[in-house]
Amino acid sequence: SQQKGRCIVMAAPMDVQLDCDDKTMVQPDVMVVCDRDKITRKCIYG
């Protein structure tokens, strides 16, 4: 916020379709996503 950055920080539970395939879905305890295109309403895709 101080840097007026676009990265988003989130905490679990939040689904992350890590490999963009249908075999893996994880929930990191804390994560930072800087590419907002990866953020969907349902999960983080990538």
All heavy atoms as atom14 arrays in JSON, in Angstrom:
{
  "sequence": "SQQKGRCIVMAAPMDVQLDCDDKTMVQPDVMVVCDRDKITRKCIYG",
  "atom14_mask": [
    [1, 1, 1, 1, 1, 1, 0, 0, 0, 0, 0, 0, 0, 0],
    [1, 1, 1, 1, 1, 1, 1, 1, 1, 0, 0, 0, 0, 0],
    [1, 1, 1, 1, 1, 1, 1, 1, 1, 0, 0, 0, 0, 0],
    [1, 1, 1, 1, 1, 1, 1, 1, 1, 0, 0, 0, 0, 0],
    [1, 1, 1, 1, 0, 0, 0, 0, 0, 0, 0, 0, 0, 0],
    [1, 1, 1, 1, 1, 1, 1, 1, 1, 1, 1, 0, 0, 0],
    [1, 1, 1, 1, 1, 1, 0, 0, 0, 0, 0, 0, 0, 0],
    [1, 1, 1, 1, 1, 1, 1, 1, 0, 0, 0, 0, 0, 0],
    [1, 1, 1, 1, 1, 1, 1, 0, 0, 0, 0, 0, 0, 0],
    [1, 1, 1, 1, 1, 1, 1, 1, 0, 0, 0, 0, 0, 0],
    [1, 1, 1, 1, 1, 0, 0, 0, 0, 0, 0, 0, 0, 0],
    [1, 1, 1, 1, 1, 0, 0, 0, 0, 0, 0, 0, 0, 0],
    [1, 1, 1, 1, 1, 1, 1, 0, 0, 0, 0, 0, 0, 0],
    [1, 1, 1, 1, 1, 1, 1, 1, 0, 0, 0, 0, 0, 0],
    [1, 1, 1, 1, 1, 1, 1, 1, 0, 0, 0, 0, 0, 0],
    [1, 1, 1, 1, 1, 1, 1, 0, 0, 0, 0, 0, 0, 0],
    [1, 1, 1, 1, 1, 1, 1, 1, 1, 0, 0, 0, 0, 0],
    [1, 1, 1, 1, 1, 1, 1, 1, 0, 0, 0, 0, 0, 0],
    [1, 1, 1, 1, 1, 1, 1, 1, 0, 0, 0, 0, 0, 0],
    [1, 1, 1, 1, 1, 1, 0, 0, 0, 0, 0, 0, 0, 0],
    [1, 1, 1, 1, 1, 1, 1, 1, 0, 0, 0, 0, 0, 0],
    [1, 1, 1, 1, 1, 1, 1, 1, 0, 0, 0, 0, 0, 0],
    [1, 1, 1, 1, 1, 1, 1, 1, 1, 0, 0, 0, 0, 0],
    [1, 1, 1, 1, 1, 1, 1, 0, 0, 0, 0, 0, 0, 0],
    [1, 1, 1, 1, 1, 1, 1, 1, 0, 0, 0, 0, 0, 0],
    [1, 1, 1, 1, 1, 1, 1, 0, 0, 0, 0, 0, 0, 0],
    [1, 1, 1, 1, 1, 1, 1, 1, 1, 0, 0, 0, 0, 0],
    [1, 1, 1, 1, 1, 1, 1, 0, 0, 0, 0, 0, 0, 0],
    [1, 1, 1, 1, 1, 1, 1, 1, 0, 0, 0, 0, 0, 0],
    [1, 1, 1, 1, 1, 1, 1, 0, 0, 0, 0, 0, 0, 0],
    [1, 1, 1, 1, 1, 1, 1, 1, 0, 0, 0, 0, 0, 0],
    [1, 1, 1, 1, 1, 1, 1, 0, 0, 0, 0, 0, 0, 0],
    [1, 1, 1, 1, 1, 1, 1, 0, 0, 0, 0, 0, 0, 0],
    [1, 1, 1, 1, 1, 1, 0, 0, 0, 0, 0, 0, 0, 0],
    [1, 1, 1, 1, 1, 1, 1, 1, 0, 0, 0, 0, 0, 0],
    [1, 1, 1, 1, 1, 1, 1, 1, 1, 1, 1, 0, 0, 0],
    [1, 1, 1, 1, 1, 1, 1, 1, 0, 0, 0, 0, 0, 0],
    [1, 1, 1, 1, 1, 1, 1, 1, 1, 0, 0, 0, 0, 0],
    [1, 1, 1, 1, 1, 1, 1, 1, 0, 0, 0, 0, 0, 0],
    [1, 1, 1, 1, 1, 1, 1, 0, 0, 0, 0, 0, 0, 0],
    [1, 1, 1, 1, 1, 1, 1, 1, 1, 1, 1, 0, 0, 0],
    [1, 1, 1, 1, 1, 1, 1, 1, 1, 0, 0, 0, 0, 0],
    [1, 1, 1, 1, 1, 1, 0, 0, 0, 0, 0, 0, 0, 0],
    [1, 1, 1, 1, 1, 1, 1, 1, 0, 0, 0, 0, 0, 0],
    [1, 1, 1, 1, 1, 1, 1, 1, 1, 1, 1, 1, 0, 0],
    [1, 1, 1, 1, 0, 0, 0, 0, 0, 0, 0, 0, 0, 0]
  ],
  "atom14_positions": [
    [[0.83, -1.21, 0.0], [0.0, 0.0, 0.0], [0.86, 1.26, 0.0], [0.59, 2.22, -0.74], [-0.91, -0.01, 1.23], [-1.71, 1.14, 1.27], [0.0, 0.0, 0.0], [0.0, 0.0, 0.0], [0.0, 0.0, 0.0], [0.0, 0.0, 0.0], [0.0, 0.0, 0.0], [0.0, 0.0, 0.0], [0.0, 0.0, 0.0], [0.0, 0.0, 0.0]],
    [[1.92, 1.26, 0.81], [2.81, 2.43, 0.87], [3.48, 2.69, -0.47], [3.7, 3.83, -0.86], [3.86, 2.21, 1.95], [3.32, 2.25, 3.38], [4.36, 1.84, 4.39], [5.53, 1.63, 4.06], [3.94, 1.72, 5.65], [0.0, 0.0, 0.0], [0.0, 0.0, 0.0], [0.0, 0.0, 0.0], [0.0, 0.0, 0.0], [0.0, 0.0, 0.0]],
    [[3.79, 1.6, -1.17], [4.46, 1.72, -2.48], [3.46, 1.91, -3.62], [3.87, 2.03, -4.77], [5.3, 0.46, -2.74], [6.39, 0.21, -1.72], [7.4, 1.34, -1.66], [7.87, 1.82, -2.7], [7.73, 1.79, -0.45], [0.0, 0.0, 0.0], [0.0, 0.0, 0.0], [0.0, 0.0, 0.0], [0.0, 0.0, 0.0], [0.0, 0.0, 0.0]],
    [[2.17, 1.89, -3.28], [1.11, 1.98, -4.28], [1.29, 0.88, -5.34], [1.12, 1.1, -6.55], [1.08, 3.37, -4.93], [0.72, 4.49, -3.95], [0.7, 5.85, -4.63], [0.1, 6.91, -3.72], [0.72, 7.0, -2.4], [0.0, 0.0, 0.0], [0.0, 0.0, 0.0], [0.0, 0.0, 0.0], [0.0, 0.0, 0.0], [0.0, 0.0, 0.0]],
    [[1.63, -0.31, -4.86], [1.86, -1.43, -5.76], [0.57, -2.13, -6.15], [-0.49, -1.91, -5.56], [0.0, 0.0, 0.0], [0.0, 0.0, 0.0], [0.0, 0.0, 0.0], [0.0, 0.0, 0.0], [0.0, 0.0, 0.0], [0.0, 0.0, 0.0], [0.0, 0.0, 0.0], [0.0, 0.0, 0.0], [0.0, 0.0, 0.0], [0.0, 0.0, 0.0]],
    [[0.67, -3.0, -7.14], [-0.51, -3.73, -7.64], [-0.54, -5.17, -7.16], [-1.49, -5.91, -7.45], [-0.51, -3.71, -9.18], [-0.87, -2.35, -9.76], [-0.9, -2.37, -11.27], [-1.73, -3.44, -11.82], [-3.07, -3.39, -11.9], [-3.72, -2.32, -11.44], [-3.75, -4.4, -12.42], [0.0, 0.0, 0.0], [0.0, 0.0, 0.0], [0.0, 0.0, 0.0]],
    [[0.47, -5.61, -6.44], [0.49, -6.98, -5.94], [-0.61, -7.15, -4.89], [-0.96, -6.21, -4.18], [1.84, -7.32, -5.31], [3.21, -7.26, -6.46], [0.0, 0.0, 0.0], [0.0, 0.0, 0.0], [0.0, 0.0, 0.0], [0.0, 0.0, 0.0], [0.0, 0.0, 0.0], [0.0, 0.0, 0.0], [0.0, 0.0, 0.0], [0.0, 0.0, 0.0]],
    [[-1.15, -8.35, -4.8], [-2.21, -8.68, -3.87], [-1.7, -9.74, -2.89], [-1.12, -10.75, -3.31], [-3.45, -9.22, -4.6], [-3.96, -8.22, -5.64], [-4.55, -9.58, -3.6], [-4.54, -6.95, -5.06], [0.0, 0.0, 0.0], [0.0, 0.0, 0.0], [0.0, 0.0, 0.0], [0.0, 0.0, 0.0], [0.0, 0.0, 0.0], [0.0, 0.0, 0.0]],
    [[-1.92, -9.53, -1.6], [-1.54, -10.52, -0.59], [-2.81, -11.17, -0.06], [-3.82, -10.49, 0.17], [-0.72, -9.89, 0.56], [-1.5, -8.81, 1.28], [-0.27, -10.96, 1.54], [0.0, 0.0, 0.0], [0.0, 0.0, 0.0], [0.0, 0.0, 0.0], [0.0, 0.0, 0.0], [0.0, 0.0, 0.0], [0.0, 0.0, 0.0], [0.0, 0.0, 0.0]],
    [[-2.78, -12.49, 0.08], [-3.95, -13.24, 0.54], [-3.51, -14.34, 1.5], [-2.37, -14.79, 1.46], [-4.68, -13.86, -0.65], [-5.47, -12.88, -1.48], [-6.09, -13.61, -3.01], [-4.62, -13.52, -4.03], [0.0, 0.0, 0.0], [0.0, 0.0, 0.0], [0.0, 0.0, 0.0], [0.0, 0.0, 0.0], [0.0, 0.0, 0.0], [0.0, 0.0, 0.0]],
    [[-4.47, -14.77, 2.31], [-4.22, -15.88, 3.25], [-5.2, -17.0, 2.98], [-6.28, -16.79, 2.41], [-4.37, -15.39, 4.69], [0.0, 0.0, 0.0], [0.0, 0.0, 0.0], [0.0, 0.0, 0.0], [0.0, 0.0, 0.0], [0.0, 0.0, 0.0], [0.0, 0.0, 0.0], [0.0, 0.0, 0.0], [0.0, 0.0, 0.0], [0.0, 0.0, 0.0]],
    [[-4.83, -18.2, 3.39], [-5.7, -19.37, 3.25], [-6.95, -19.18, 4.1], [-6.92, -18.46, 5.11], [-4.95, -20.63, 3.68], [0.0, 0.0, 0.0], [0.0, 0.0, 0.0], [0.0, 0.0, 0.0], [0.0, 0.0, 0.0], [0.0, 0.0, 0.0], [0.0, 0.0, 0.0], [0.0, 0.0, 0.0], [0.0, 0.0, 0.0], [0.0, 0.0, 0.0]],
    [[-8.07, -19.79, 3.7], [-8.2, -20.71, 2.56], [-8.47, -19.97, 1.25], [-9.42, -19.21, 1.16], [-9.39, -21.58, 2.94], [-10.23, -20.69, 3.82], [-9.28, -19.8, 4.55], [0.0, 0.0, 0.0], [0.0, 0.0, 0.0], [0.0, 0.0, 0.0], [0.0, 0.0, 0.0], [0.0, 0.0, 0.0], [0.0, 0.0, 0.0], [0.0, 0.0, 0.0]],
    [[-7.61, -20.17, 0.27], [-7.79, -19.64, -1.09], [-7.19, -20.65, -2.05], [-6.01, -21.0, -1.94], [-7.09, -18.28, -1.24], [-7.28, -17.66, -2.62], [-9.0, -17.22, -2.92], [-9.01, -16.96, -4.7], [0.0, 0.0, 0.0], [0.0, 0.0, 0.0], [0.0, 0.0, 0.0], [0.0, 0.0, 0.0], [0.0, 0.0, 0.0], [0.0, 0.0, 0.0]],
    [[-7.98, -21.17, -2.96], [-7.52, -22.2, -3.89], [-6.53, -21.64, -4.9], [-6.71, -20.54, -5.44], [-8.7, -22.8, -4.65], [-9.59, -23.66, -3.77], [-9.08, -24.15, -2.75], [-10.77, -23.85, -4.11], [0.0, 0.0, 0.0], [0.0, 0.0, 0.0], [0.0, 0.0, 0.0], [0.0, 0.0, 0.0], [0.0, 0.0, 0.0], [0.0, 0.0, 0.0]],
    [[-5.48, -22.41, -5.16], [-4.48, -22.05, -6.17], [-4.32, -23.23, -7.12], [-3.82, -24.28, -6.72], [-3.12, -21.71, -5.52], [-2.09, -21.4, -6.6], [-3.26, -20.54, -4.56], [0.0, 0.0, 0.0], [0.0, 0.0, 0.0], [0.0, 0.0, 0.0], [0.0, 0.0, 0.0], [0.0, 0.0, 0.0], [0.0, 0.0, 0.0], [0.0, 0.0, 0.0]],
    [[-4.77, -23.05, -8.35], [-4.61, -24.1, -9.37], [-3.2, -23.94, -9.93], [-2.97, -23.41, -11.01], [-5.69, -23.97, -10.46], [-5.91, -25.25, -11.23], [-7.25, -25.25, -11.96], [-8.1, -24.42, -11.69], [-7.42, -26.19, -12.88], [0.0, 0.0, 0.0], [0.0, 0.0, 0.0], [0.0, 0.0, 0.0], [0.0, 0.0, 0.0], [0.0, 0.0, 0.0]],
    [[-2.25, -24.45, -9.17], [-0.83, -24.13, -9.31], [-0.26, -24.39, -10.7], [0.41, -23.55, -11.28], [-0.05, -24.93, -8.26], [1.42, -24.58, -8.07], [1.57, -23.16, -7.54], [2.08, -25.57, -7.11], [0.0, 0.0, 0.0], [0.0, 0.0, 0.0], [0.0, 0.0, 0.0], [0.0, 0.0, 0.0], [0.0, 0.0, 0.0], [0.0, 0.0, 0.0]],
    [[-0.5, -25.59, -11.23], [0.07, -25.97, -12.53], [-0.85, -25.68, -13.7], [-0.55, -26.06, -14.83], [0.41, -27.47, -12.52], [1.48, -27.82, -11.51], [2.42, -27.02, -11.34], [1.39, -28.89, -10.88], [0.0, 0.0, 0.0], [0.0, 0.0, 0.0], [0.0, 0.0, 0.0], [0.0, 0.0, 0.0], [0.0, 0.0, 0.0], [0.0, 0.0, 0.0]],
    [[-1.98, -25.03, -13.43], [-2.97, -24.78, -14.47], [-3.41, -26.08, -15.15], [-3.68, -26.1, -16.34], [-2.43, -23.79, -15.52], [-1.97, -22.18, -14.83], [0.0, 0.0, 0.0], [0.0, 0.0, 0.0], [0.0, 0.0, 0.0], [0.0, 0.0, 0.0], [0.0, 0.0, 0.0], [0.0, 0.0, 0.0], [0.0, 0.0, 0.0], [0.0, 0.0, 0.0]],
    [[-3.47, -27.17, -14.38], [-3.98, -28.43, -14.89], [-5.09, -28.91, -13.95], [-5.54, -28.16, -13.1], [-2.87, -29.48, -15.02], [-2.24, -29.85, -13.68], [-2.78, -29.45, -12.62], [-1.21, -30.55, -13.67], [0.0, 0.0, 0.0], [0.0, 0.0, 0.0], [0.0, 0.0, 0.0], [0.0, 0.0, 0.0], [0.0, 0.0, 0.0], [0.0, 0.0, 0.0]],
    [[-5.54, -30.15, -14.12], [-6.65, -30.64, -13.31], [-6.21, -31.61, -12.23], [-7.02, -32.36, -11.69], [-7.71, -31.3, -14.2], [-7.23, -32.6, -14.83], [-6.0, -32.83, -14.83], [-8.08, -33.38, -15.3], [0.0, 0.0, 0.0], [0.0, 0.0, 0.0], [0.0, 0.0, 0.0], [0.0, 0.0, 0.0], [0.0, 0.0, 0.0], [0.0, 0.0, 0.0]],
    [[-4.93, -31.58, -11.85], [-4.42, -32.55, -10.88], [-3.92, -31.92, -9.59], [-3.6, -32.62, -8.64], [-3.27, -33.36, -11.5], [-3.64, -34.14, -12.76], [-4.51, -35.35, -12.43], [-3.7, -36.49, -11.9], [-4.51, -37.71, -11.69], [0.0, 0.0, 0.0], [0.0, 0.0, 0.0], [0.0, 0.0, 0.0], [0.0, 0.0, 0.0], [0.0, 0.0, 0.0]],
    [[-3.84, -30.59, -9.54], [-3.27, -29.93, -8.36], [-4.06, -28.68, -7.97], [-4.33, -27.83, -8.82], [-1.8, -29.55, -8.6], [-1.02, -30.74, -8.81], [-1.23, -28.8, -7.4], [0.0, 0.0, 0.0], [0.0, 0.0, 0.0], [0.0, 0.0, 0.0], [0.0, 0.0, 0.0], [0.0, 0.0, 0.0], [0.0, 0.0, 0.0], [0.0, 0.0, 0.0]],
    [[-4.41, -28.61, -6.69], [-5.06, -27.43, -6.13], [-4.55, -27.28, -4.69], [-4.81, -28.12, -3.84], [-6.58, -27.56, -6.13], [-7.3, -26.28, -5.73], [-7.32, -25.04, -7.05], [-8.66, -25.67, -8.07], [0.0, 0.0, 0.0], [0.0, 0.0, 0.0], [0.0, 0.0, 0.0], [0.0, 0.0, 0.0], [0.0, 0.0, 0.0], [0.0, 0.0, 0.0]],
    [[-3.79, -26.23, -4.43], [-3.19, -26.04, -3.11], [-3.74, -24.78, -2.45], [-4.39, -23.96, -3.09], [-1.65, -25.97, -3.21], [-1.07, -27.28, -3.7], [-1.2, -24.82, -4.11], [0.0, 0.0, 0.0], [0.0, 0.0, 0.0], [0.0, 0.0, 0.0], [0.0, 0.0, 0.0], [0.0, 0.0, 0.0], [0.0, 0.0, 0.0], [0.0, 0.0, 0.0]],
    [[-3.44, -24.64, -1.17], [-3.86, -23.47, -0.39], [-2.69, -22.97, 0.45], [-2.56, -23.33, 1.63], [-5.03, -23.82, 0.52], [-6.32, -24.16, -0.21], [-7.49, -24.35, 0.74], [-7.36, -24.19, 1.95], [-8.64, -24.69, 0.2], [0.0, 0.0, 0.0], [0.0, 0.0, 0.0], [0.0, 0.0, 0.0], [0.0, 0.0, 0.0], [0.0, 0.0, 0.0]],
    [[-1.8, -22.16, -0.12], [-0.7, -21.61, 0.68], [-1.25, -20.83, 1.87], [-2.31, -20.2, 1.77], [0.02, -20.67, -0.3], [-0.42, -21.12, -1.66], [-1.8, -21.65, -1.5], [0.0, 0.0, 0.0], [0.0, 0.0, 0.0], [0.0, 0.0, 0.0], [0.0, 0.0, 0.0], [0.0, 0.0, 0.0], [0.0, 0.0, 0.0], [0.0, 0.0, 0.0]],
    [[-0.54, -20.87, 2.99], [-1.01, -20.14, 4.16], [-1.05, -18.64, 3.91], [-1.97, -17.94, 4.33], [-0.12, -20.46, 5.37], [-0.33, -21.89, 5.86], [-1.49, -22.34, 5.9], [0.67, -22.55, 6.18], [0.0, 0.0, 0.0], [0.0, 0.0, 0.0], [0.0, 0.0, 0.0], [0.0, 0.0, 0.0], [0.0, 0.0, 0.0], [0.0, 0.0, 0.0]],
    [[-0.01, -18.15, 3.22], [0.04, -16.75, 2.81], [0.64, -16.72, 1.41], [1.54, -17.51, 1.1], [0.91, -15.89, 3.76], [1.04, -14.46, 3.24], [0.35, -15.9, 5.18], [0.0, 0.0, 0.0], [0.0, 0.0, 0.0], [0.0, 0.0, 0.0], [0.0, 0.0, 0.0], [0.0, 0.0, 0.0], [0.0, 0.0, 0.0], [0.0, 0.0, 0.0]],
    [[0.16, -15.82, 0.57], [0.75, -15.7, -0.76], [0.64, -14.28, -1.28], [-0.22, -13.52, -0.83], [0.08, -16.66, -1.75], [-1.38, -16.4, -1.98], [-2.11, -17.59, -3.11], [-3.78, -17.69, -2.45], [0.0, 0.0, 0.0], [0.0, 0.0, 0.0], [0.0, 0.0, 0.0], [0.0, 0.0, 0.0], [0.0, 0.0, 0.0], [0.0, 0.0, 0.0]],
    [[1.54, -13.96, -2.2], [1.5, -12.67, -2.89], [1.42, -12.95, -4.38], [2.21, -13.73, -4.92], [2.76, -11.83, -2.59], [2.74, -10.54, -3.4], [2.85, -11.51, -1.1], [0.0, 0.0, 0.0], [0.0, 0.0, 0.0], [0.0, 0.0, 0.0], [0.0, 0.0, 0.0], [0.0, 0.0, 0.0], [0.0, 0.0, 0.0], [0.0, 0.0, 0.0]],
    [[0.44, -12.33, -5.03], [0.26, -12.48, -6.48], [0.37, -11.1, -7.1], [-0.4, -10.19, -6.77], [-1.13, -13.1, -6.8], [-1.28, -13.27, -8.32], [-1.3, -14.44, -6.1], [0.0, 0.0, 0.0], [0.0, 0.0, 0.0], [0.0, 0.0, 0.0], [0.0, 0.0, 0.0], [0.0, 0.0, 0.0], [0.0, 0.0, 0.0], [0.0, 0.0, 0.0]],
    [[1.33, -10.94, -8.0], [1.56, -9.63, -8.62], [0.93, -9.51, -10.01], [0.72, -8.39, -10.49], [3.06, -9.34, -8.69], [3.83, -9.16, -7.06], [0.0, 0.0, 0.0], [0.0, 0.0, 0.0], [0.0, 0.0, 0.0], [0.0, 0.0, 0.0], [0.0, 0.0, 0.0], [0.0, 0.0, 0.0], [0.0, 0.0, 0.0], [0.0, 0.0, 0.0]],
    [[0.64, -10.62, -10.64], [-0.05, -10.62, -11.93], [-1.54, -10.79, -11.67], [-2.02, -11.89, -11.42], [0.48, -11.76, -12.81], [-0.18, -11.79, -14.18], [-1.09, -10.97, -14.43], [0.21, -12.65, -15.0], [0.0, 0.0, 0.0], [0.0, 0.0, 0.0], [0.0, 0.0, 0.0], [0.0, 0.0, 0.0], [0.0, 0.0, 0.0], [0.0, 0.0, 0.0]],
    [[-2.28, -9.7, -11.73], [-3.7, -9.76, -11.39], [-4.52, -10.59, -12.37], [-5.65, -10.98, -12.03], [-4.27, -8.33, -11.28], [-3.68, -7.55, -10.11], [-4.47, -6.3, -9.83], [-3.97, -5.6, -8.64], [-4.59, -4.6, -8.05], [-5.76, -4.16, -8.55], [-4.09, -4.02, -6.98], [0.0, 0.0, 0.0], [0.0, 0.0, 0.0], [0.0, 0.0, 0.0]],
    [[-3.99, -10.85, -13.53], [-4.7, -11.7, -14.48], [-4.84, -13.13, -13.97], [-5.68, -13.89, -14.45], [-3.99, -11.71, -15.84], [-4.13, -10.38, -16.58], [-5.08, -9.63, -16.25], [-3.3, -10.1, -17.46], [0.0, 0.0, 0.0], [0.0, 0.0, 0.0], [0.0, 0.0, 0.0], [0.0, 0.0, 0.0], [0.0, 0.0, 0.0], [0.0, 0.0, 0.0]],
    [[-4.0, -13.51, -12.99], [-4.07, -14.85, -12.41], [-5.2, -14.98, -11.39], [-5.54, -16.09, -10.97], [-2.74, -15.22, -11.74], [-1.57, -15.38, -12.69], [-0.31, -15.76, -11.93], [0.87, -15.97, -12.88], [2.11, -16.36, -12.14], [0.0, 0.0, 0.0], [0.0, 0.0, 0.0], [0.0, 0.0, 0.0], [0.0, 0.0, 0.0], [0.0, 0.0, 0.0]],
    [[-5.73, -13.86, -10.97], [-6.74, -13.86, -9.9], [-8.14, -13.91, -10.49], [-8.55, -12.99, -11.21], [-6.58, -12.62, -9.0], [-5.15, -12.55, -8.43], [-7.6, -12.66, -7.87], [-4.86, -11.29, -7.64], [0.0, 0.0, 0.0], [0.0, 0.0, 0.0], [0.0, 0.0, 0.0], [0.0, 0.0, 0.0], [0.0, 0.0, 0.0], [0.0, 0.0, 0.0]],
    [[-8.86, -14.98, -10.21], [-10.26, -15.09, -10.61], [-11.12, -15.12, -9.35], [-10.6, -15.23, -8.24], [-10.5, -16.37, -11.43], [-10.43, -17.52, -10.56], [-9.46, -16.52, -12.54], [0.0, 0.0, 0.0], [0.0, 0.0, 0.0], [0.0, 0.0, 0.0], [0.0, 0.0, 0.0], [0.0, 0.0, 0.0], [0.0, 0.0, 0.0], [0.0, 0.0, 0.0]],
    [[-12.41, -15.05, -9.52], [-13.29, -15.09, -8.35], [-13.26, -16.46, -7.68], [-13.51, -16.58, -6.49], [-14.73, -14.75, -8.77], [-14.89, -13.31, -9.22], [-16.35, -12.97, -9.42], [-16.51, -11.57, -9.83], [-17.69, -10.98, -9.99], [-18.81, -11.66, -9.76], [-17.75, -9.71, -10.36], [0.0, 0.0, 0.0], [0.0, 0.0, 0.0], [0.0, 0.0, 0.0]],
    [[-12.94, -17.49, -8.45], [-12.97, -18.85, -7.92], [-11.64, -19.29, -7.33], [-11.6, -19.98, -6.31], [-13.38, -19.82, -9.04], [-13.72, -21.22, -8.56], [-14.27, -22.04, -9.71], [-14.76, -23.4, -9.23], [-15.34, -24.2, -10.33], [0.0, 0.0, 0.0], [0.0, 0.0, 0.0], [0.0, 0.0, 0.0], [0.0, 0.0, 0.0], [0.0, 0.0, 0.0]],
    [[-10.54, -18.9, -7.95], [-9.23, -19.37, -7.49], [-8.13, -18.51, -8.1], [-8.39, -17.62, -8.91], [-9.03, -20.83, -7.87], [-8.79, -21.1, -9.66], [0.0, 0.0, 0.0], [0.0, 0.0, 0.0], [0.0, 0.0, 0.0], [0.0, 0.0, 0.0], [0.0, 0.0, 0.0], [0.0, 0.0, 0.0], [0.0, 0.0, 0.0], [0.0, 0.0, 0.0]],
    [[-6.9, -18.81, -7.69], [-5.71, -18.25, -8.34], [-5.3, -19.27, -9.4], [-5.11, -20.44, -9.09], [-4.55, -18.04, -7.34], [-5.03, -17.19, -6.15], [-3.36, -17.4, -8.03], [-5.57, -15.84, -6.51], [0.0, 0.0, 0.0], [0.0, 0.0, 0.0], [0.0, 0.0, 0.0], [0.0, 0.0, 0.0], [0.0, 0.0, 0.0], [0.0, 0.0, 0.0]],
    [[-5.18, -18.82, -10.63], [-4.86, -19.73, -11.73], [-3.41, -19.52, -12.16], [-3.09, -18.62, -12.94], [-5.81, -19.49, -12.91], [-5.8, -20.58, -13.96], [-6.41, -21.8, -13.72], [-5.17, -20.38, -15.18], [-6.42, -22.8, -14.68], [-5.17, -21.37, -16.14], [-5.8, -22.57, -15.89], [-5.78, -23.57, -16.84], [0.0, 0.0, 0.0], [0.0, 0.0, 0.0]],
    [[-2.52, -20.3, -11.58], [-1.09, -20.16, -11.84], [-0.31, -19.95, -10.56], [-0.87, -19.99, -9.46], [0.0, 0.0, 0.0], [0.0, 0.0, 0.0], [0.0, 0.0, 0.0], [0.0, 0.0, 0.0], [0.0, 0.0, 0.0], [0.0, 0.0, 0.0], [0.0, 0.0, 0.0], [0.0, 0.0, 0.0], [0.0, 0.0, 0.0], [0.0, 0.0, 0.0]]
  ]
}
